[in-house]
Amino acid sequence: QVQLVESGGGLVQSGGSLRLSCAASGSIYSMNAMGWFRQPPEKQRELFAARTSGGNTNYVNSVKDRFTISRDNAKYTVSLHMDNLTPEDKAVYSCSAGPSMDYFVYWGQGTQVTVSS
């Protein structure tokens, strides 16, 4: 089992920045990939950023050049730095872990990010 706990969500003005963090515990050593999902209101959850323990990263186009995922393998934490936020980024953001970037099996409870216009 893997437990994931997010922190750092909140309200920010459009154009602002926010940093999310995720602390992992449990059998995290088997989880090569950690990532961030988000679910906007009335929309499906999407994986938008992921990073492997070896440093490979993937981003969806809508966040590329604005968001940065980082990972501390020794501390079992993954962070997300978000710049130039827009109201379209409003969502519940969840940390996730899995054996590969194509297969995530654990999620945290999520943290709300709201961007005011």
N, C-alpha and C. Protein backbone atom coordinates (compact mmCIF):
# COMPACT_ATOMS: atom_id res chain seq x y z
N GLN A 1 0.83 -1.19 0.00
CA GLN A 1 0.00 0.00 0.00
C GLN A 1 0.87 1.25 0.00
N VAL A 2 0.36 2.27 -0.64
CA VAL A 2 1.03 3.57 -0.70
C VAL A 2 0.05 4.63 -0.25
N GLN A 3 0.50 5.52 0.61
CA GLN A 3 -0.33 6.64 1.05
C GLN A 3 0.27 7.93 0.49
N LEU A 4 -0.60 8.77 -0.02
CA LEU A 4 -0.18 10.03 -0.60
C LEU A 4 -0.98 11.17 0.02
N VAL A 5 -0.29 12.21 0.45
CA VAL A 5 -0.96 13.34 1.08
C VAL A 5 -0.48 14.63 0.42
N GLU A 6 -1.44 15.35 -0.16
CA GLU A 6 -1.12 16.61 -0.84
C GLU A 6 -1.25 17.79 0.12
N SER A 7 -0.56 18.85 -0.22
CA SER A 7 -0.69 20.10 0.51
C SER A 7 -0.36 21.24 -0.45
N GLY A 8 -0.82 22.44 -0.09
CA GLY A 8 -0.44 23.62 -0.85
C GLY A 8 -1.50 24.22 -1.74
N GLY A 9 -2.67 23.64 -1.81
CA GLY A 9 -3.72 24.23 -2.64
C GLY A 9 -4.25 25.51 -2.04
N GLY A 10 -5.12 26.17 -2.78
CA GLY A 10 -5.72 27.40 -2.28
C GLY A 10 -6.21 28.28 -3.39
N LEU A 11 -6.41 29.55 -3.05
CA LEU A 11 -6.92 30.54 -3.98
C LEU A 11 -5.79 31.45 -4.44
N VAL A 12 -5.71 31.67 -5.74
CA VAL A 12 -4.68 32.55 -6.29
C VAL A 12 -5.29 33.37 -7.42
N GLN A 13 -4.76 34.53 -7.64
CA GLN A 13 -5.26 35.38 -8.72
C GLN A 13 -4.69 34.91 -10.06
N SER A 14 -5.43 35.19 -11.11
CA SER A 14 -4.97 34.85 -12.45
C SER A 14 -3.60 35.48 -12.71
N GLY A 15 -2.71 34.68 -13.26
CA GLY A 15 -1.34 35.13 -13.48
C GLY A 15 -0.40 34.81 -12.34
N GLY A 16 -0.95 34.35 -11.25
CA GLY A 16 -0.14 34.05 -10.07
C GLY A 16 0.48 32.67 -10.10
N SER A 17 1.16 32.36 -9.02
CA SER A 17 1.86 31.07 -8.90
C SER A 17 1.42 30.35 -7.64
N LEU A 18 1.60 29.05 -7.69
CA LEU A 18 1.26 28.21 -6.55
C LEU A 18 2.14 26.97 -6.58
N ARG A 19 2.44 26.45 -5.41
CA ARG A 19 3.26 25.24 -5.32
C ARG A 19 2.51 24.18 -4.53
N LEU A 20 2.39 23.01 -5.11
CA LEU A 20 1.78 21.87 -4.43
C LEU A 20 2.86 20.86 -4.05
N SER A 21 2.63 20.21 -2.95
CA SER A 21 3.57 19.16 -2.51
C SER A 21 2.80 17.89 -2.20
N CYS A 22 3.50 16.78 -2.31
CA CYS A 22 2.89 15.48 -2.04
C CYS A 22 3.89 14.62 -1.29
N ALA A 23 3.48 14.13 -0.14
CA ALA A 23 4.34 13.25 0.65
C ALA A 23 3.83 11.82 0.52
N ALA A 24 4.75 10.93 0.19
CA ALA A 24 4.38 9.52 0.00
C ALA A 24 4.94 8.67 1.13
N SER A 25 4.21 7.65 1.49
CA SER A 25 4.67 6.70 2.49
C SER A 25 4.16 5.32 2.12
N GLY A 26 4.71 4.31 2.76
CA GLY A 26 4.32 2.94 2.45
C GLY A 26 5.29 2.31 1.46
N SER A 27 4.79 1.47 0.60
CA SER A 27 5.64 0.72 -0.34
C SER A 27 5.97 1.54 -1.57
N ILE A 28 6.46 2.74 -1.34
CA ILE A 28 6.68 3.67 -2.45
C ILE A 28 7.88 3.26 -3.30
N TYR A 29 8.78 2.43 -2.75
CA TYR A 29 10.00 2.07 -3.48
C TYR A 29 9.68 1.36 -4.79
N SER A 30 8.51 0.74 -4.88
CA SER A 30 8.14 0.03 -6.10
C SER A 30 7.45 0.93 -7.12
N MET A 31 7.23 2.18 -6.75
CA MET A 31 6.51 3.09 -7.64
C MET A 31 7.50 3.94 -8.42
N ASN A 32 7.75 3.56 -9.67
CA ASN A 32 8.72 4.29 -10.48
C ASN A 32 8.21 5.67 -10.86
N ALA A 33 6.92 5.80 -11.07
CA ALA A 33 6.37 7.06 -11.55
C ALA A 33 5.52 7.74 -10.48
N MET A 34 5.66 9.05 -10.41
CA MET A 34 4.77 9.87 -9.60
C MET A 34 4.26 10.99 -10.48
N GLY A 35 3.02 11.36 -10.25
CA GLY A 35 2.44 12.35 -11.15
C GLY A 35 1.35 13.15 -10.48
N TRP A 36 0.83 14.07 -11.25
CA TRP A 36 -0.28 14.91 -10.80
C TRP A 36 -1.44 14.79 -11.78
N PHE A 37 -2.61 14.52 -11.22
CA PHE A 37 -3.87 14.54 -11.95
C PHE A 37 -4.64 15.77 -11.50
N ARG A 38 -5.57 16.19 -12.32
CA ARG A 38 -6.48 17.24 -11.90
C ARG A 38 -7.85 16.99 -12.50
N GLN A 39 -8.87 17.42 -11.76
CA GLN A 39 -10.24 17.28 -12.22
C GLN A 39 -10.94 18.62 -12.09
N PRO A 40 -11.13 19.32 -13.22
CA PRO A 40 -11.89 20.58 -13.19
C PRO A 40 -13.36 20.29 -12.92
N PRO A 41 -14.11 21.30 -12.54
CA PRO A 41 -15.55 21.10 -12.28
C PRO A 41 -16.27 20.52 -13.50
N GLU A 42 -17.01 19.46 -13.28
CA GLU A 42 -17.84 18.83 -14.31
C GLU A 42 -17.02 18.28 -15.49
N LYS A 43 -15.75 17.99 -15.24
CA LYS A 43 -14.93 17.41 -16.29
C LYS A 43 -14.23 16.16 -15.74
N GLN A 44 -13.64 15.40 -16.65
CA GLN A 44 -12.96 14.18 -16.23
C GLN A 44 -11.58 14.49 -15.67
N ARG A 45 -11.12 13.58 -14.85
CA ARG A 45 -9.77 13.71 -14.31
C ARG A 45 -8.75 13.45 -15.41
N GLU A 46 -7.69 14.24 -15.42
CA GLU A 46 -6.65 14.05 -16.41
C GLU A 46 -5.28 14.04 -15.74
N LEU A 47 -4.40 13.23 -16.29
CA LEU A 47 -3.00 13.24 -15.91
C LEU A 47 -2.33 14.35 -16.70
N PHE A 48 -1.69 15.29 -16.04
CA PHE A 48 -1.09 16.40 -16.77
C PHE A 48 0.40 16.55 -16.56
N ALA A 49 0.95 15.91 -15.55
CA ALA A 49 2.40 15.98 -15.32
C ALA A 49 2.84 14.71 -14.59
N ALA A 50 3.97 14.16 -15.01
CA ALA A 50 4.48 12.96 -14.38
C ALA A 50 6.01 12.95 -14.46
N ARG A 51 6.59 12.24 -13.51
CA ARG A 51 8.05 12.16 -13.47
C ARG A 51 8.44 10.79 -12.94
N THR A 52 9.43 10.18 -13.57
CA THR A 52 9.93 8.90 -13.09
C THR A 52 11.07 9.12 -12.08
N SER A 53 11.42 8.06 -11.41
CA SER A 53 12.53 8.16 -10.46
C SER A 53 13.84 8.48 -11.16
N GLY A 54 13.92 8.16 -12.45
CA GLY A 54 15.12 8.46 -13.23
C GLY A 54 15.17 9.85 -13.81
N GLY A 55 14.07 10.60 -13.64
CA GLY A 55 14.07 11.99 -14.08
C GLY A 55 13.33 12.28 -15.38
N ASN A 56 12.78 11.25 -16.03
CA ASN A 56 11.98 11.52 -17.23
C ASN A 56 10.67 12.19 -16.84
N THR A 57 10.26 13.15 -17.66
CA THR A 57 9.02 13.89 -17.37
C THR A 57 8.11 13.91 -18.58
N ASN A 58 6.83 14.03 -18.30
CA ASN A 58 5.81 14.22 -19.33
C ASN A 58 4.85 15.30 -18.86
N TYR A 59 4.45 16.16 -19.79
CA TYR A 59 3.47 17.19 -19.50
C TYR A 59 2.46 17.23 -20.64
N VAL A 60 1.23 17.56 -20.32
CA VAL A 60 0.28 17.84 -21.40
C VAL A 60 0.56 19.25 -21.90
N ASN A 61 0.16 19.51 -23.12
CA ASN A 61 0.50 20.78 -23.76
C ASN A 61 -0.04 22.00 -23.01
N SER A 62 -1.19 21.84 -22.37
CA SER A 62 -1.82 22.99 -21.72
C SER A 62 -1.03 23.51 -20.51
N VAL A 63 -0.13 22.70 -19.97
CA VAL A 63 0.64 23.15 -18.80
C VAL A 63 2.13 23.23 -19.09
N LYS A 64 2.54 22.74 -20.24
CA LYS A 64 3.95 22.76 -20.58
C LYS A 64 4.43 24.20 -20.58
N ASP A 65 5.60 24.46 -20.07
CA ASP A 65 6.22 25.81 -19.97
C ASP A 65 5.61 26.65 -18.85
N ARG A 66 4.57 26.14 -18.17
CA ARG A 66 4.01 26.87 -17.03
C ARG A 66 4.18 26.10 -15.72
N PHE A 67 4.08 24.78 -15.82
CA PHE A 67 4.15 23.92 -14.63
C PHE A 67 5.46 23.13 -14.65
N THR A 68 5.99 22.87 -13.45
CA THR A 68 7.20 22.06 -13.33
C THR A 68 7.01 21.04 -12.22
N ILE A 69 7.22 19.78 -12.57
CA ILE A 69 7.14 18.71 -11.57
C ILE A 69 8.55 18.36 -11.13
N SER A 70 8.73 18.22 -9.85
CA SER A 70 10.02 17.82 -9.30
C SER A 70 9.80 16.69 -8.29
N ARG A 71 10.87 16.00 -8.02
CA ARG A 71 10.73 14.81 -7.18
C ARG A 71 11.99 14.63 -6.35
N ASP A 72 11.79 14.30 -5.11
CA ASP A 72 12.90 13.97 -4.22
C ASP A 72 12.78 12.49 -3.89
N ASN A 73 13.58 11.67 -4.55
CA ASN A 73 13.47 10.23 -4.36
C ASN A 73 13.84 9.80 -2.94
N ALA A 74 14.77 10.52 -2.34
CA ALA A 74 15.21 10.14 -0.99
C ALA A 74 14.13 10.43 0.05
N LYS A 75 13.37 11.50 -0.17
CA LYS A 75 12.34 11.90 0.79
C LYS A 75 10.95 11.43 0.38
N TYR A 76 10.86 10.77 -0.77
CA TYR A 76 9.57 10.28 -1.27
C TYR A 76 8.55 11.42 -1.35
N THR A 77 8.97 12.51 -1.95
CA THR A 77 8.05 13.63 -2.16
C THR A 77 8.07 14.03 -3.63
N VAL A 78 6.95 14.56 -4.05
CA VAL A 78 6.87 15.13 -5.40
C VAL A 78 6.17 16.48 -5.28
N SER A 79 6.67 17.44 -6.02
CA SER A 79 6.14 18.79 -5.95
C SER A 79 5.73 19.26 -7.33
N LEU A 80 4.89 20.26 -7.33
CA LEU A 80 4.42 20.85 -8.58
C LEU A 80 4.45 22.36 -8.42
N HIS A 81 5.25 23.01 -9.23
CA HIS A 81 5.29 24.47 -9.23
C HIS A 81 4.49 24.96 -10.43
N MET A 82 3.52 25.81 -10.16
CA MET A 82 2.62 26.28 -11.22
C MET A 82 2.75 27.79 -11.37
N ASP A 83 3.06 28.23 -12.56
CA ASP A 83 3.18 29.65 -12.87
C ASP A 83 2.09 30.07 -13.85
N ASN A 84 1.85 31.38 -13.88
CA ASN A 84 0.91 31.94 -14.85
C ASN A 84 -0.42 31.20 -14.86
N LEU A 85 -0.97 31.02 -13.68
CA LEU A 85 -2.24 30.30 -13.55
C LEU A 85 -3.39 31.09 -14.17
N THR A 86 -4.34 30.38 -14.73
CA THR A 86 -5.52 30.98 -15.31
C THR A 86 -6.76 30.33 -14.69
N PRO A 87 -7.93 30.94 -14.84
CA PRO A 87 -9.15 30.33 -14.30
C PRO A 87 -9.39 28.92 -14.84
N GLU A 88 -8.86 28.61 -16.01
CA GLU A 88 -9.02 27.27 -16.58
C GLU A 88 -8.23 26.21 -15.81
N ASP A 89 -7.32 26.65 -14.95
CA ASP A 89 -6.55 25.70 -14.14
C ASP A 89 -7.27 25.32 -12.85
N LYS A 90 -8.42 25.92 -12.60
CA LYS A 90 -9.18 25.58 -11.40
C LYS A 90 -9.57 24.11 -11.44
N ALA A 91 -9.23 23.40 -10.38
CA ALA A 91 -9.51 21.97 -10.34
C ALA A 91 -9.13 21.41 -8.97
N VAL A 92 -9.50 20.17 -8.75
CA VAL A 92 -8.96 19.41 -7.62
C VAL A 92 -7.71 18.71 -8.13
N TYR A 93 -6.60 18.94 -7.48
CA TYR A 93 -5.32 18.39 -7.90
C TYR A 93 -4.95 17.22 -6.99
N SER A 94 -4.62 16.10 -7.61
CA SER A 94 -4.30 14.89 -6.85
C SER A 94 -2.94 14.36 -7.25
N CYS A 95 -2.20 13.95 -6.26
CA CYS A 95 -0.91 13.30 -6.46
C CYS A 95 -1.17 11.82 -6.74
N SER A 96 -0.30 11.22 -7.51
CA SER A 96 -0.49 9.81 -7.84
C SER A 96 0.85 9.09 -7.96
N ALA A 97 0.80 7.79 -7.78
CA ALA A 97 2.01 6.97 -7.89
C ALA A 97 1.70 5.67 -8.61
N GLY A 98 2.65 5.17 -9.35
CA GLY A 98 2.45 3.93 -10.07
C GLY A 98 3.75 3.37 -10.59
N PRO A 99 3.71 2.16 -11.11
CA PRO A 99 4.93 1.53 -11.62
C PRO A 99 5.46 2.17 -12.91
N SER A 100 4.63 2.86 -13.64
CA SER A 100 5.09 3.53 -14.86
C SER A 100 4.21 4.73 -15.14
N MET A 101 4.64 5.57 -16.07
CA MET A 101 3.84 6.76 -16.40
C MET A 101 2.58 6.40 -17.16
N ASP A 102 2.45 5.15 -17.56
CA ASP A 102 1.21 4.70 -18.21
C ASP A 102 0.29 3.96 -17.25
N TYR A 103 0.72 3.82 -16.00
CA TYR A 103 -0.05 3.00 -15.08
C TYR A 103 0.09 3.53 -13.66
N PHE A 104 -0.91 4.29 -13.23
CA PHE A 104 -0.94 4.84 -11.88
C PHE A 104 -1.98 4.07 -11.08
N VAL A 105 -1.64 3.75 -9.84
CA VAL A 105 -2.52 2.91 -9.04
C VAL A 105 -2.92 3.51 -7.70
N TYR A 106 -2.23 4.54 -7.29
CA TYR A 106 -2.55 5.16 -6.01
C TYR A 106 -2.77 6.67 -6.20
N TRP A 107 -3.72 7.19 -5.47
CA TRP A 107 -4.01 8.63 -5.52
C TRP A 107 -4.18 9.17 -4.11
N GLY A 108 -3.82 10.45 -3.94
CA GLY A 108 -4.13 11.12 -2.71
C GLY A 108 -5.56 11.63 -2.73
N GLN A 109 -5.97 12.26 -1.66
CA GLN A 109 -7.35 12.74 -1.58
C GLN A 109 -7.59 14.00 -2.39
N GLY A 110 -6.53 14.69 -2.70
CA GLY A 110 -6.65 15.87 -3.56
C GLY A 110 -6.66 17.17 -2.77
N THR A 111 -6.31 18.23 -3.48
CA THR A 111 -6.34 19.57 -2.90
C THR A 111 -6.90 20.53 -3.93
N GLN A 112 -7.73 21.44 -3.46
CA GLN A 112 -8.43 22.35 -4.37
C GLN A 112 -7.53 23.52 -4.75
N VAL A 113 -7.50 23.81 -6.03
CA VAL A 113 -6.84 25.01 -6.55
C VAL A 113 -7.89 25.85 -7.26
N THR A 114 -8.03 27.09 -6.84
CA THR A 114 -8.99 28.01 -7.44
C THR A 114 -8.24 29.24 -7.92
N VAL A 115 -8.52 29.64 -9.15
CA VAL A 115 -7.85 30.80 -9.75
C VAL A 115 -8.92 31.84 -10.06
N SER A 116 -8.80 32.99 -9.46
CA SER A 116 -9.77 34.06 -9.69
C SER A 116 -9.32 34.93 -10.86
N SER A 117 -10.31 35.41 -11.60
CA SER A 117 -10.00 36.22 -12.79
C SER A 117 -9.85 37.69 -12.43
